[in-house]
Protein backbone atom coordinates (compact mmCIF):
# COMPACT_ATOMS: atom_id res chain seq x y z
CA MET A 1 -8.39 -53.67 9.41
CA ASN A 2 -11.51 -51.55 8.94
CA SER A 3 -15.15 -52.51 9.46
CA TYR A 4 -15.70 -53.24 5.76
CA GLU A 5 -12.84 -55.73 5.64
CA LYS A 6 -13.96 -57.33 8.91
CA THR A 7 -17.50 -57.69 7.56
CA LEU A 8 -16.37 -59.37 4.35
CA ILE A 9 -14.15 -61.75 6.30
CA THR A 10 -16.97 -62.58 8.72
CA VAL A 11 -19.43 -63.25 5.90
CA ALA A 12 -16.94 -65.57 4.19
CA GLU A 13 -15.96 -67.52 7.33
CA VAL A 14 -17.46 -70.93 7.93
CA LYS A 15 -19.30 -70.95 11.25
CA THR A 16 -22.79 -71.39 12.64
CA ILE A 17 -25.51 -68.85 11.86
CA ASN A 18 -25.53 -67.83 15.53
CA ALA A 19 -21.78 -67.21 15.42
CA HIS A 20 -22.24 -65.11 12.26
CA MET A 21 -24.88 -63.02 14.02
CA VAL A 22 -22.60 -62.44 17.02
CA SER A 23 -19.65 -61.45 14.83
CA LEU A 24 -21.74 -59.08 12.73
CA GLY A 25 -23.24 -57.58 15.87
CA LYS A 26 -19.77 -56.82 17.22
CA ILE A 27 -18.81 -55.09 13.97
CA ARG A 28 -22.02 -53.07 14.04
CA ALA A 29 -21.34 -52.02 17.63
CA THR A 30 -17.83 -50.77 16.87
CA SER A 31 -18.47 -49.06 13.52
CA GLU A 32 -19.71 -45.50 13.25
CA ASP A 33 -21.01 -46.12 9.72
CA GLN A 34 -24.78 -46.02 10.07
CA GLU A 35 -25.36 -47.45 6.59
CA LEU A 36 -23.16 -50.43 7.38
CA GLY A 37 -25.07 -50.82 10.64
CA PHE A 38 -28.36 -50.78 8.76
CA TYR A 39 -27.22 -53.47 6.32
CA ILE A 40 -25.86 -55.63 9.16
CA ALA A 41 -29.08 -55.21 11.16
CA SER A 42 -31.16 -56.18 8.11
CA LEU A 43 -29.09 -59.32 7.59
CA VAL A 44 -29.16 -60.30 11.27
CA LEU A 45 -32.93 -59.82 11.39
CA HIS A 46 -33.29 -62.01 8.30
CA LEU A 47 -31.05 -64.69 9.85
CA GLN A 48 -33.06 -64.58 13.09
CA GLN A 49 -36.29 -65.07 11.16
CA GLN A 50 -34.76 -68.01 9.30
CA GLN A 51 -33.57 -69.50 12.59
CA GLN A 52 -37.06 -69.20 14.06
CA GLN A 53 -38.59 -70.95 11.06
CA LEU A 54 -35.99 -73.71 11.15
CA GLY A 55 -36.19 -73.91 14.93
CA GLN A 56 -39.43 -75.80 14.61
CA MET A 57 -37.44 -78.66 13.09
CA ARG A 58 -34.82 -78.47 15.87
CA GLN A 59 -31.98 -79.42 13.58
CA LYS A 60 -28.43 -78.95 14.72
CA SER A 61 -26.90 -75.75 13.38
CA ILE A 62 -24.40 -76.64 10.69
CA PRO A 63 -21.46 -74.29 10.09
CA THR A 64 -21.65 -72.46 6.79
CA SER A 65 -20.36 -69.41 5.01
CA LEU A 66 -22.91 -66.70 4.36
CA THR A 67 -21.49 -66.47 0.85
CA PHE A 68 -23.28 -69.79 0.28
CA TYR A 69 -26.46 -68.19 1.59
CA PRO A 70 -27.56 -66.20 -1.47
CA THR A 71 -30.07 -63.74 -0.09
CA TYR A 72 -30.72 -60.12 -0.92
CA GLU A 73 -29.49 -59.07 2.53
CA VAL A 74 -26.15 -60.86 2.16
CA SER A 75 -25.50 -59.55 -1.34
CA ARG A 76 -26.46 -55.98 -0.37
CA LEU A 77 -24.07 -56.03 2.60
CA VAL A 78 -21.24 -57.54 0.55
CA GLN A 79 -21.74 -55.06 -2.30
CA TYR A 80 -21.75 -52.12 0.10
CA CYS A 81 -18.51 -53.24 1.75
CA GLN A 82 -16.82 -53.94 -1.58
CA TYR A 83 -17.86 -50.51 -2.87
CA GLN A 84 -16.42 -48.77 0.20
CA LEU A 85 -13.18 -50.75 -0.02
CA ALA A 86 -12.83 -49.93 -3.74
CA SER A 87 -12.68 -46.24 -2.85
CA SER A 88 -9.34 -46.94 -1.08
CA LYS A 89 -10.30 -44.42 1.60
CA PRO A 90 -10.11 -45.01 5.34
CA GLU A 91 -13.43 -45.49 7.09
CA TRP A 92 -13.19 -42.11 8.87
CA GLN A 93 -12.79 -40.33 5.52
CA ILE A 94 -15.78 -42.11 3.98
CA LEU A 95 -17.92 -41.02 6.93
CA ALA A 96 -16.54 -37.47 6.96
CA GLU A 97 -17.20 -36.99 3.25
CA ARG A 98 -20.71 -38.35 3.67
CA HIS A 99 -21.27 -35.53 6.17
CA GLY A 100 -19.87 -32.80 3.93
CA TRP A 101 -16.15 -32.79 4.73
CA ILE A 102 -13.88 -31.75 1.88
CA ARG A 103 -10.21 -32.66 1.83
CA PRO A 104 -8.02 -29.54 2.23
CA GLY A 105 -6.88 -28.31 -1.17
CA GLN A 106 -9.88 -29.82 -2.95
CA GLY A 107 -12.27 -27.00 -2.11
CA VAL A 108 -14.97 -25.75 -4.39
């Protein structure tokens, strides 16, 4: 399972916001895709800010799926992962092509 699949699964799982942040952080740490890392970091920062605002109320964290959390950061991350998965390429190939690699036999 690649980082894009793991991210989509994590976003869809029902768990606390803190657990989502931990799971996304682990994916970010293991992926070499800097764009994915940027989108994850943006979402985690947004979630942290939301937690700080809600922290004043000191309500118990209720498990939820981030798919029920319709923010720009969530939709941007989901769209990016879906786009990469639609290419049907392995993660290493996506990254290599982004850095100029051309598949042998498909030269200019």
